[in-house]
Amino acid sequence: MATYTAKLVDRTGWSDADKHGIEVHVQKKFDLAFEGTQDGVDVSWGDGTPQDNLVIHFVPDIAHSYLKQIFPDAVINPDDGGYTNTSQRPKSGTEIYQTVQGIRNWPWETRAMIVFHESLHNLFPFQTTNFVHMLDGGGEAAGYAAAKPKLAYGMTQHNKELMRQGFSVKNPQVL
């Protein structure tokens, strides 16, 4: 039985209520992915450590990108809710934006879905973007892996299998 760790790093100044809501919904997504297995993921807020399997940085917006400071050549799509950089393979870095296109009040479940999506990129640093986005042909068939994921797409069985596979191989994280 393996228990993996996912650390959520607050670089926004979230309220305790917001952090709790996000943590609960991210935990639910990972619990669903590992349902029926003996493995699992413990999600918590704090500083990332080298022992963590996954580190997700929450930043105010793209203008305040933590990863852009580390990877100045990063090209971030202004429409995206998150970004993952794997250019320093095998090290991966992921951030989620508090505000996207001027909208700050995203539901916690939507933020959790974006965490799930970006985690797929993070946990497979040697794969292309399309490895995730075109899963099972892309679009709705890709579920949460779609280039523009939607809650309505749902988490597919293939999403779950890929997430479990990704966690099974530890790669260094941007702290």
N, C-alpha and C. Protein backbone atom coordinates (compact mmCIF):
# COMPACT_ATOMS: atom_id res chain seq x y z
N MET A 1 0.84 -1.18 0.00
CA MET A 1 0.00 0.00 0.00
C MET A 1 0.88 1.24 0.00
N ALA A 2 0.66 2.12 -0.96
CA ALA A 2 1.44 3.36 -1.06
C ALA A 2 0.54 4.56 -0.77
N THR A 3 1.07 5.48 0.00
CA THR A 3 0.38 6.75 0.23
C THR A 3 1.28 7.85 -0.30
N TYR A 4 0.81 8.53 -1.33
CA TYR A 4 1.56 9.61 -1.96
C TYR A 4 1.15 10.93 -1.32
N THR A 5 2.01 11.95 -1.46
CA THR A 5 1.69 13.25 -0.90
C THR A 5 1.56 14.30 -2.01
N ALA A 6 0.51 15.09 -1.90
CA ALA A 6 0.30 16.23 -2.79
C ALA A 6 0.26 17.47 -1.90
N LYS A 7 1.21 18.36 -2.11
CA LYS A 7 1.30 19.57 -1.29
C LYS A 7 0.77 20.75 -2.09
N LEU A 8 -0.14 21.49 -1.50
CA LEU A 8 -0.69 22.71 -2.08
C LEU A 8 0.03 23.88 -1.41
N VAL A 9 0.66 24.74 -2.20
CA VAL A 9 1.45 25.85 -1.68
C VAL A 9 0.70 27.15 -1.98
N ASP A 10 0.37 27.88 -0.92
CA ASP A 10 -0.39 29.12 -1.07
C ASP A 10 0.55 30.31 -1.25
N ARG A 11 0.51 30.88 -2.43
CA ARG A 11 1.27 32.10 -2.73
C ARG A 11 0.30 33.24 -3.04
N THR A 12 -0.96 33.09 -2.56
CA THR A 12 -2.01 34.06 -2.87
C THR A 12 -2.52 34.80 -1.64
N GLY A 13 -2.45 34.15 -0.49
CA GLY A 13 -3.08 34.70 0.71
C GLY A 13 -4.54 34.27 0.82
N TRP A 14 -4.85 33.06 0.33
CA TRP A 14 -6.20 32.51 0.45
C TRP A 14 -6.68 32.60 1.90
N SER A 15 -7.97 32.70 2.09
CA SER A 15 -8.54 32.60 3.43
C SER A 15 -8.49 31.13 3.85
N ASP A 16 -8.60 30.88 5.15
CA ASP A 16 -8.62 29.50 5.62
C ASP A 16 -9.81 28.74 5.04
N ALA A 17 -10.94 29.42 4.87
CA ALA A 17 -12.13 28.77 4.29
C ALA A 17 -11.88 28.37 2.85
N ASP A 18 -11.25 29.24 2.08
CA ASP A 18 -10.93 28.91 0.68
C ASP A 18 -9.96 27.74 0.62
N LYS A 19 -8.92 27.78 1.44
CA LYS A 19 -7.94 26.70 1.43
C LYS A 19 -8.60 25.37 1.81
N HIS A 20 -9.47 25.41 2.80
CA HIS A 20 -10.16 24.19 3.21
C HIS A 20 -11.02 23.65 2.05
N GLY A 21 -11.78 24.53 1.42
CA GLY A 21 -12.64 24.11 0.31
C GLY A 21 -11.85 23.51 -0.84
N ILE A 22 -10.75 24.15 -1.19
CA ILE A 22 -9.91 23.63 -2.28
C ILE A 22 -9.32 22.28 -1.89
N GLU A 23 -8.76 22.20 -0.68
CA GLU A 23 -8.15 20.94 -0.23
C GLU A 23 -9.15 19.79 -0.25
N VAL A 24 -10.35 20.03 0.24
CA VAL A 24 -11.38 18.98 0.28
C VAL A 24 -11.70 18.49 -1.13
N HIS A 25 -11.86 19.42 -2.06
CA HIS A 25 -12.23 19.03 -3.43
C HIS A 25 -11.08 18.38 -4.19
N VAL A 26 -9.85 18.83 -3.96
CA VAL A 26 -8.70 18.16 -4.58
C VAL A 26 -8.58 16.75 -4.01
N GLN A 27 -8.75 16.61 -2.70
CA GLN A 27 -8.68 15.29 -2.08
C GLN A 27 -9.73 14.36 -2.70
N LYS A 28 -10.95 14.86 -2.92
CA LYS A 28 -12.01 14.05 -3.52
C LYS A 28 -11.63 13.56 -4.91
N LYS A 29 -10.99 14.42 -5.70
CA LYS A 29 -10.57 14.03 -7.06
C LYS A 29 -9.55 12.90 -7.00
N PHE A 30 -8.56 13.04 -6.12
CA PHE A 30 -7.55 11.98 -6.02
C PHE A 30 -8.14 10.71 -5.41
N ASP A 31 -9.04 10.85 -4.44
CA ASP A 31 -9.70 9.67 -3.88
C ASP A 31 -10.46 8.90 -4.97
N LEU A 32 -11.13 9.63 -5.84
CA LEU A 32 -11.87 9.00 -6.93
C LEU A 32 -10.91 8.28 -7.88
N ALA A 33 -9.77 8.89 -8.17
CA ALA A 33 -8.79 8.28 -9.06
C ALA A 33 -8.22 6.99 -8.48
N PHE A 34 -8.09 6.92 -7.16
CA PHE A 34 -7.49 5.75 -6.53
C PHE A 34 -8.53 4.79 -5.93
N GLU A 35 -9.79 5.08 -6.14
CA GLU A 35 -10.88 4.24 -5.61
C GLU A 35 -10.71 2.79 -6.08
N GLY A 36 -10.87 1.87 -5.14
CA GLY A 36 -10.75 0.45 -5.46
C GLY A 36 -9.33 -0.07 -5.44
N THR A 37 -8.36 0.79 -5.08
CA THR A 37 -6.97 0.36 -4.96
C THR A 37 -6.55 0.46 -3.50
N GLN A 38 -5.39 -0.08 -3.20
CA GLN A 38 -4.86 0.03 -1.84
C GLN A 38 -4.02 1.29 -1.66
N ASP A 39 -3.84 2.05 -2.74
CA ASP A 39 -3.02 3.25 -2.70
C ASP A 39 -3.89 4.49 -2.53
N GLY A 40 -3.25 5.60 -2.20
CA GLY A 40 -3.99 6.84 -2.05
C GLY A 40 -3.06 8.04 -2.02
N VAL A 41 -3.67 9.22 -2.00
CA VAL A 41 -2.93 10.48 -1.97
C VAL A 41 -3.42 11.29 -0.78
N ASP A 42 -2.48 11.80 0.01
CA ASP A 42 -2.81 12.72 1.10
C ASP A 42 -2.55 14.14 0.60
N VAL A 43 -3.59 14.96 0.61
CA VAL A 43 -3.50 16.35 0.15
C VAL A 43 -3.45 17.26 1.38
N SER A 44 -2.52 18.23 1.35
CA SER A 44 -2.45 19.19 2.45
C SER A 44 -1.79 20.48 1.95
N TRP A 45 -1.99 21.55 2.72
CA TRP A 45 -1.36 22.83 2.44
C TRP A 45 -0.06 22.92 3.21
N GLY A 46 0.90 23.62 2.64
CA GLY A 46 2.17 23.85 3.32
C GLY A 46 3.25 24.15 2.32
N ASP A 47 4.49 24.09 2.77
CA ASP A 47 5.62 24.28 1.88
C ASP A 47 5.96 22.94 1.24
N GLY A 48 6.25 22.97 -0.05
CA GLY A 48 6.67 21.74 -0.72
C GLY A 48 8.02 21.28 -0.21
N THR A 49 8.20 19.98 -0.17
CA THR A 49 9.48 19.39 0.25
C THR A 49 9.92 18.38 -0.82
N PRO A 50 11.20 18.03 -0.83
CA PRO A 50 11.67 17.03 -1.79
C PRO A 50 10.97 15.67 -1.63
N GLN A 51 10.40 15.42 -0.47
CA GLN A 51 9.72 14.15 -0.24
C GLN A 51 8.32 14.11 -0.87
N ASP A 52 7.74 15.27 -1.19
CA ASP A 52 6.40 15.30 -1.77
C ASP A 52 6.41 14.74 -3.18
N ASN A 53 5.36 14.00 -3.51
CA ASN A 53 5.22 13.43 -4.85
C ASN A 53 4.72 14.46 -5.86
N LEU A 54 3.98 15.44 -5.36
CA LEU A 54 3.38 16.45 -6.22
C LEU A 54 3.31 17.75 -5.44
N VAL A 55 3.75 18.85 -6.06
CA VAL A 55 3.67 20.17 -5.43
C VAL A 55 2.94 21.09 -6.39
N ILE A 56 1.85 21.69 -5.91
CA ILE A 56 1.05 22.60 -6.72
C ILE A 56 1.09 23.98 -6.07
N HIS A 57 1.57 24.97 -6.81
CA HIS A 57 1.65 26.34 -6.32
C HIS A 57 0.40 27.10 -6.77
N PHE A 58 -0.25 27.77 -5.84
CA PHE A 58 -1.39 28.63 -6.17
C PHE A 58 -0.87 30.07 -6.15
N VAL A 59 -1.04 30.77 -7.28
CA VAL A 59 -0.55 32.14 -7.42
C VAL A 59 -1.72 33.05 -7.80
N PRO A 60 -1.59 34.37 -7.55
CA PRO A 60 -2.72 35.26 -7.82
C PRO A 60 -3.21 35.23 -9.27
N ASP A 61 -2.26 35.29 -10.22
CA ASP A 61 -2.61 35.33 -11.65
C ASP A 61 -1.34 35.13 -12.45
N ILE A 62 -1.47 35.11 -13.76
CA ILE A 62 -0.31 34.87 -14.62
C ILE A 62 0.75 35.96 -14.43
N ALA A 63 0.31 37.19 -14.23
CA ALA A 63 1.27 38.29 -14.02
C ALA A 63 2.16 38.04 -12.80
N HIS A 64 1.69 37.24 -11.86
CA HIS A 64 2.46 36.92 -10.65
C HIS A 64 2.93 35.46 -10.66
N SER A 65 3.18 34.95 -11.85
CA SER A 65 3.58 33.55 -12.00
C SER A 65 4.86 33.25 -11.24
N TYR A 66 4.80 32.24 -10.40
CA TYR A 66 5.98 31.76 -9.67
C TYR A 66 6.91 31.04 -10.65
N LEU A 67 6.33 30.26 -11.55
CA LEU A 67 7.13 29.48 -12.49
C LEU A 67 7.82 30.35 -13.53
N LYS A 68 7.21 31.45 -13.90
CA LYS A 68 7.83 32.36 -14.88
C LYS A 68 9.11 32.95 -14.29
N GLN A 69 9.17 33.11 -12.98
CA GLN A 69 10.39 33.58 -12.33
C GLN A 69 11.51 32.55 -12.47
N ILE A 70 11.14 31.28 -12.42
CA ILE A 70 12.11 30.19 -12.49
C ILE A 70 12.43 29.84 -13.93
N PHE A 71 11.42 29.89 -14.79
CA PHE A 71 11.55 29.56 -16.21
C PHE A 71 11.16 30.79 -17.04
N PRO A 72 12.05 31.78 -17.18
CA PRO A 72 11.70 33.04 -17.84
C PRO A 72 11.18 32.88 -19.27
N ASP A 73 11.54 31.80 -19.94
CA ASP A 73 11.09 31.59 -21.32
C ASP A 73 9.72 30.91 -21.40
N ALA A 74 9.11 30.65 -20.26
CA ALA A 74 7.80 29.97 -20.25
C ALA A 74 6.77 30.80 -21.01
N VAL A 75 5.99 30.11 -21.81
CA VAL A 75 4.89 30.74 -22.54
C VAL A 75 3.60 30.23 -21.93
N ILE A 76 2.85 31.12 -21.30
CA ILE A 76 1.64 30.74 -20.58
C ILE A 76 0.43 31.31 -21.30
N ASN A 77 -0.52 30.45 -21.62
CA ASN A 77 -1.75 30.86 -22.30
C ASN A 77 -2.62 31.65 -21.31
N PRO A 78 -2.99 32.87 -21.66
CA PRO A 78 -3.77 33.70 -20.72
C PRO A 78 -5.18 33.16 -20.43
N ASP A 79 -5.64 32.19 -21.19
CA ASP A 79 -6.96 31.60 -20.96
C ASP A 79 -6.92 30.42 -20.00
N ASP A 80 -5.73 29.94 -19.68
CA ASP A 80 -5.62 28.72 -18.88
C ASP A 80 -5.75 29.00 -17.38
N GLY A 81 -6.30 28.04 -16.67
CA GLY A 81 -6.45 28.14 -15.22
C GLY A 81 -5.23 27.67 -14.47
N GLY A 82 -4.28 27.06 -15.20
CA GLY A 82 -3.06 26.57 -14.58
C GLY A 82 -2.01 26.34 -15.63
N TYR A 83 -0.80 26.06 -15.17
CA TYR A 83 0.33 25.88 -16.07
C TYR A 83 1.30 24.91 -15.42
N THR A 84 1.88 24.03 -16.25
CA THR A 84 2.91 23.11 -15.79
C THR A 84 4.12 23.23 -16.70
N ASN A 85 5.29 23.33 -16.09
CA ASN A 85 6.53 23.40 -16.85
C ASN A 85 7.37 22.18 -16.54
N THR A 86 7.79 21.48 -17.59
CA THR A 86 8.65 20.31 -17.43
C THR A 86 9.93 20.47 -18.24
N SER A 87 10.29 21.72 -18.55
CA SER A 87 11.46 21.96 -19.40
C SER A 87 12.77 21.58 -18.71
N GLN A 88 12.78 21.46 -17.41
CA GLN A 88 13.99 21.07 -16.67
C GLN A 88 13.90 19.60 -16.26
N ARG A 89 13.48 18.75 -17.18
CA ARG A 89 13.25 17.33 -16.92
C ARG A 89 14.38 16.74 -16.08
N PRO A 90 14.06 15.90 -15.14
CA PRO A 90 12.74 15.39 -14.82
C PRO A 90 11.97 16.27 -13.85
N LYS A 91 12.50 17.44 -13.47
CA LYS A 91 11.81 18.31 -12.52
C LYS A 91 10.56 18.91 -13.16
N SER A 92 9.46 18.90 -12.41
CA SER A 92 8.19 19.47 -12.86
C SER A 92 7.74 20.57 -11.92
N GLY A 93 7.14 21.60 -12.50
CA GLY A 93 6.57 22.68 -11.71
C GLY A 93 5.16 22.99 -12.18
N THR A 94 4.24 23.14 -11.24
CA THR A 94 2.84 23.40 -11.57
C THR A 94 2.32 24.55 -10.73
N GLU A 95 1.54 25.42 -11.39
CA GLU A 95 0.86 26.49 -10.66
C GLU A 95 -0.58 26.60 -11.15
N ILE A 96 -1.44 27.04 -10.25
CA ILE A 96 -2.86 27.25 -10.52
C ILE A 96 -3.14 28.72 -10.21
N TYR A 97 -3.96 29.36 -11.05
CA TYR A 97 -4.22 30.78 -10.92
C TYR A 97 -5.48 31.06 -10.13
N GLN A 98 -5.35 31.99 -9.19
CA GLN A 98 -6.49 32.42 -8.38
C GLN A 98 -7.47 33.20 -9.25
N THR A 99 -6.95 34.01 -10.15
CA THR A 99 -7.77 34.83 -11.05
C THR A 99 -7.41 34.50 -12.49
N VAL A 100 -8.43 34.18 -13.28
CA VAL A 100 -8.25 33.87 -14.70
C VAL A 100 -9.17 34.78 -15.49
N GLN A 101 -8.59 35.53 -16.41
CA GLN A 101 -9.36 36.47 -17.24
C GLN A 101 -10.23 37.39 -16.38
N GLY A 102 -9.68 37.85 -15.27
CA GLY A 102 -10.40 38.77 -14.40
C GLY A 102 -11.43 38.13 -13.50
N ILE A 103 -11.62 36.82 -13.60
CA ILE A 103 -12.60 36.11 -12.77
C ILE A 103 -11.87 35.42 -11.63
N ARG A 104 -12.29 35.71 -10.42
CA ARG A 104 -11.64 35.15 -9.24
C ARG A 104 -12.49 34.09 -8.54
N ASN A 105 -13.78 34.14 -8.71
CA ASN A 105 -14.69 33.27 -7.95
C ASN A 105 -14.97 31.95 -8.64
N TRP A 106 -13.94 31.21 -8.96
CA TRP A 106 -14.13 29.89 -9.55
C TRP A 106 -14.55 28.92 -8.44
N PRO A 107 -15.51 28.04 -8.72
CA PRO A 107 -15.89 27.04 -7.70
C PRO A 107 -14.70 26.16 -7.32
N TRP A 108 -14.68 25.73 -6.08
CA TRP A 108 -13.59 24.88 -5.60
C TRP A 108 -13.47 23.61 -6.44
N GLU A 109 -14.59 23.04 -6.84
CA GLU A 109 -14.53 21.81 -7.64
C GLU A 109 -13.87 22.07 -8.99
N THR A 110 -14.11 23.25 -9.57
CA THR A 110 -13.45 23.59 -10.83
C THR A 110 -11.95 23.71 -10.62
N ARG A 111 -11.55 24.36 -9.54
CA ARG A 111 -10.12 24.47 -9.24
C ARG A 111 -9.51 23.08 -9.04
N ALA A 112 -10.23 22.20 -8.38
CA ALA A 112 -9.74 20.84 -8.15
C ALA A 112 -9.59 20.09 -9.47
N MET A 113 -10.51 20.30 -10.40
CA MET A 113 -10.40 19.66 -11.72
C MET A 113 -9.15 20.18 -12.44
N ILE A 114 -8.87 21.48 -12.32
CA ILE A 114 -7.67 22.04 -12.95
C ILE A 114 -6.42 21.45 -12.30
N VAL A 115 -6.43 21.28 -10.98
CA VAL A 115 -5.31 20.64 -10.30
C VAL A 115 -5.12 19.24 -10.86
N PHE A 116 -6.20 18.49 -11.01
CA PHE A 116 -6.11 17.13 -11.54
C PHE A 116 -5.49 17.15 -12.94
N HIS A 117 -5.99 18.03 -13.80
CA HIS A 117 -5.49 18.13 -15.17
C HIS A 117 -3.99 18.46 -15.18
N GLU A 118 -3.60 19.50 -14.45
CA GLU A 118 -2.20 19.90 -14.43
C GLU A 118 -1.32 18.83 -13.79
N SER A 119 -1.87 18.07 -12.86
CA SER A 119 -1.12 16.98 -12.25
C SER A 119 -0.74 15.93 -13.28
N LEU A 120 -1.62 15.69 -14.24
CA LEU A 120 -1.29 14.73 -15.30
C LEU A 120 -0.07 15.21 -16.08
N HIS A 121 -0.01 16.50 -16.38
CA HIS A 121 1.18 17.04 -17.05
C HIS A 121 2.41 16.90 -16.15
N ASN A 122 2.25 17.26 -14.89
CA ASN A 122 3.36 17.27 -13.95
C ASN A 122 3.96 15.88 -13.75
N LEU A 123 3.13 14.89 -13.62
CA LEU A 123 3.59 13.54 -13.28
C LEU A 123 4.18 12.78 -14.46
N PHE A 124 4.09 13.37 -15.66
CA PHE A 124 4.66 12.76 -16.86
C PHE A 124 5.57 13.77 -17.57
N PRO A 125 6.70 14.15 -16.92
CA PRO A 125 7.53 15.24 -17.45
C PRO A 125 8.20 14.93 -18.79
N PHE A 126 8.29 13.69 -19.18
CA PHE A 126 8.95 13.35 -20.43
C PHE A 126 7.96 13.22 -21.59
N GLN A 127 6.70 13.47 -21.33
CA GLN A 127 5.67 13.36 -22.37
C GLN A 127 5.33 14.73 -22.94
N THR A 128 4.74 14.72 -24.13
CA THR A 128 4.32 15.97 -24.77
C THR A 128 3.00 16.44 -24.17
N THR A 129 2.67 17.68 -24.44
CA THR A 129 1.39 18.22 -24.01
C THR A 129 0.25 17.38 -24.56
N ASN A 130 0.36 16.96 -25.82
CA ASN A 130 -0.71 16.18 -26.44
C ASN A 130 -0.88 14.80 -25.83
N PHE A 131 0.14 14.30 -25.14
CA PHE A 131 -0.01 13.03 -24.43
C PHE A 131 -1.20 13.11 -23.48
N VAL A 132 -1.36 14.27 -22.84
CA VAL A 132 -2.50 14.49 -21.95
C VAL A 132 -3.71 14.95 -22.74
N HIS A 133 -3.57 16.02 -23.49
CA HIS A 133 -4.72 16.66 -24.15
C HIS A 133 -5.43 15.77 -25.16
N MET A 134 -4.70 14.88 -25.81
CA MET A 134 -5.32 14.04 -26.85
C MET A 134 -5.63 12.63 -26.35
N LEU A 135 -5.65 12.45 -25.04
CA LEU A 135 -5.98 11.16 -24.46
C LEU A 135 -7.31 10.68 -25.03
N ASP A 136 -7.34 9.48 -25.52
CA ASP A 136 -8.56 8.88 -26.09
C ASP A 136 -9.19 9.73 -27.19
N GLY A 137 -8.35 10.47 -27.92
CA GLY A 137 -8.84 11.26 -29.05
C GLY A 137 -9.08 12.73 -28.72
N GLY A 138 -8.95 13.12 -27.47
CA GLY A 138 -9.12 14.52 -27.08
C GLY A 138 -10.56 14.90 -26.84
N GLY A 139 -10.77 16.17 -26.55
CA GLY A 139 -12.12 16.69 -26.29
C GLY A 139 -12.79 15.99 -25.13
N GLU A 140 -14.10 15.84 -25.23
CA GLU A 140 -14.87 15.24 -24.14
C GLU A 140 -14.41 13.82 -23.82
N ALA A 141 -13.98 13.07 -24.84
CA ALA A 141 -13.51 11.69 -24.62
C ALA A 141 -12.29 11.65 -23.70
N ALA A 142 -11.53 12.74 -23.65
CA ALA A 142 -10.34 12.80 -22.80
C ALA A 142 -10.68 13.09 -21.34
N GLY A 143 -11.94 13.44 -21.06
CA GLY A 143 -12.33 13.74 -19.68
C GLY A 143 -11.56 14.93 -19.14
N TYR A 144 -11.03 14.78 -17.93
CA TYR A 144 -10.28 15.87 -17.30
C TYR A 144 -8.94 16.12 -17.98
N ALA A 145 -8.52 15.25 -18.86
CA ALA A 145 -7.25 15.44 -19.58
C ALA A 145 -7.42 16.36 -20.79
N ALA A 146 -8.64 16.68 -21.18
CA ALA A 146 -8.89 17.50 -22.37
C ALA A 146 -8.15 18.82 -22.29
N ALA A 147 -7.81 19.38 -23.45
CA ALA A 147 -7.10 20.66 -23.51
C ALA A 147 -7.87 21.74 -22.76
N LYS A 148 -9.17 21.73 -22.85
CA LYS A 148 -10.05 22.66 -22.11
C LYS A 148 -11.03 21.80 -21.30
N PRO A 149 -10.57 21.25 -20.18
CA PRO A 149 -11.42 20.32 -19.42
C PRO A 149 -12.66 21.01 -18.86
N LYS A 150 -13.71 20.24 -18.73
CA LYS A 150 -14.95 20.72 -18.13
C LYS A 150 -15.42 19.69 -17.12
N LEU A 151 -16.05 20.17 -16.05
CA LEU A 151 -16.58 19.23 -15.04
C LEU A 151 -17.55 18.25 -15.68
N ALA A 152 -18.30 18.72 -16.67
CA ALA A 152 -19.29 17.87 -17.33
C ALA A 152 -18.66 16.68 -18.05
N TYR A 153 -17.39 16.80 -18.42
CA TYR A 153 -16.71 15.68 -19.09
C TYR A 153 -16.52 14.51 -18.13
N GLY A 154 -16.35 14.83 -16.87
CA GLY A 154 -16.13 13.79 -15.87
C GLY A 154 -14.72 13.22 -15.93
N MET A 155 -14.39 12.48 -14.90
CA MET A 155 -13.11 11.80 -14.82
C MET A 155 -13.28 10.42 -15.45
N THR A 156 -12.53 10.15 -16.50
CA THR A 156 -12.66 8.87 -17.19
C THR A 156 -11.83 7.79 -16.49
N GLN A 157 -12.11 6.55 -16.83
CA GLN A 157 -11.32 5.44 -16.30
C GLN A 157 -9.86 5.60 -16.72
N HIS A 158 -9.63 6.05 -17.95
CA HIS A 158 -8.27 6.25 -18.42
C HIS A 158 -7.57 7.37 -17.64
N ASN A 159 -8.32 8.44 -17.28
CA ASN A 159 -7.77 9.51 -16.42
C ASN A 159 -7.28 8.91 -15.11
N LYS A 160 -8.10 8.05 -14.52
CA LYS A 160 -7.76 7.43 -13.23
C LYS A 160 -6.51 6.57 -13.35
N GLU A 161 -6.47 5.75 -14.40
CA GLU A 161 -5.32 4.86 -14.60
C GLU A 161 -4.04 5.65 -14.81
N LEU A 162 -4.13 6.71 -15.59
CA LEU A 162 -2.97 7.54 -15.86
C LEU A 162 -2.49 8.24 -14.58
N MET A 163 -3.42 8.74 -13.78
CA MET A 163 -3.05 9.40 -12.53
C MET A 163 -2.34 8.41 -11.61
N ARG A 164 -2.87 7.22 -11.48
CA ARG A 164 -2.23 6.22 -10.62
C ARG A 164 -0.83 5.86 -11.13
N GLN A 165 -0.70 5.73 -12.44
CA GLN A 165 0.60 5.43 -13.03
C GLN A 165 1.57 6.58 -12.79
N GLY A 166 1.10 7.82 -12.94
CA GLY A 166 1.96 8.98 -12.74
C GLY A 166 2.49 9.09 -11.33
N PHE A 167 1.65 8.83 -10.35
CA PHE A 167 2.11 8.90 -8.96
C PHE A 167 3.08 7.77 -8.63
N SER A 168 3.02 6.66 -9.35
CA SER A 168 3.84 5.50 -9.01
C SER A 168 5.33 5.71 -9.30
N VAL A 169 5.67 6.74 -10.08
CA VAL A 169 7.06 7.06 -10.36
C VAL A 169 7.34 8.47 -9.86
N LYS A 170 8.19 8.58 -8.85
CA LYS A 170 8.44 9.90 -8.25
C LYS A 170 9.41 10.70 -9.13
N ASN A 171 9.01 11.94 -9.41
CA ASN A 171 9.92 12.86 -10.09
C ASN A 171 10.05 14.13 -9.26
N PRO A 172 11.21 14.77 -9.34
CA PRO A 172 11.44 15.99 -8.53
C PRO A 172 10.46 17.11 -8.89
N GLN A 173 10.14 17.89 -7.90
CA GLN A 173 9.18 18.98 -8.05
C GLN A 173 9.84 20.33 -7.84
N VAL A 174 9.31 21.37 -8.50
CA VAL A 174 9.75 22.73 -8.24
C VAL A 174 9.18 23.13 -6.87
N LEU A 175 10.05 23.46 -5.96
CA LEU A 175 9.63 23.84 -4.62
C LEU A 175 9.58 25.35 -4.52
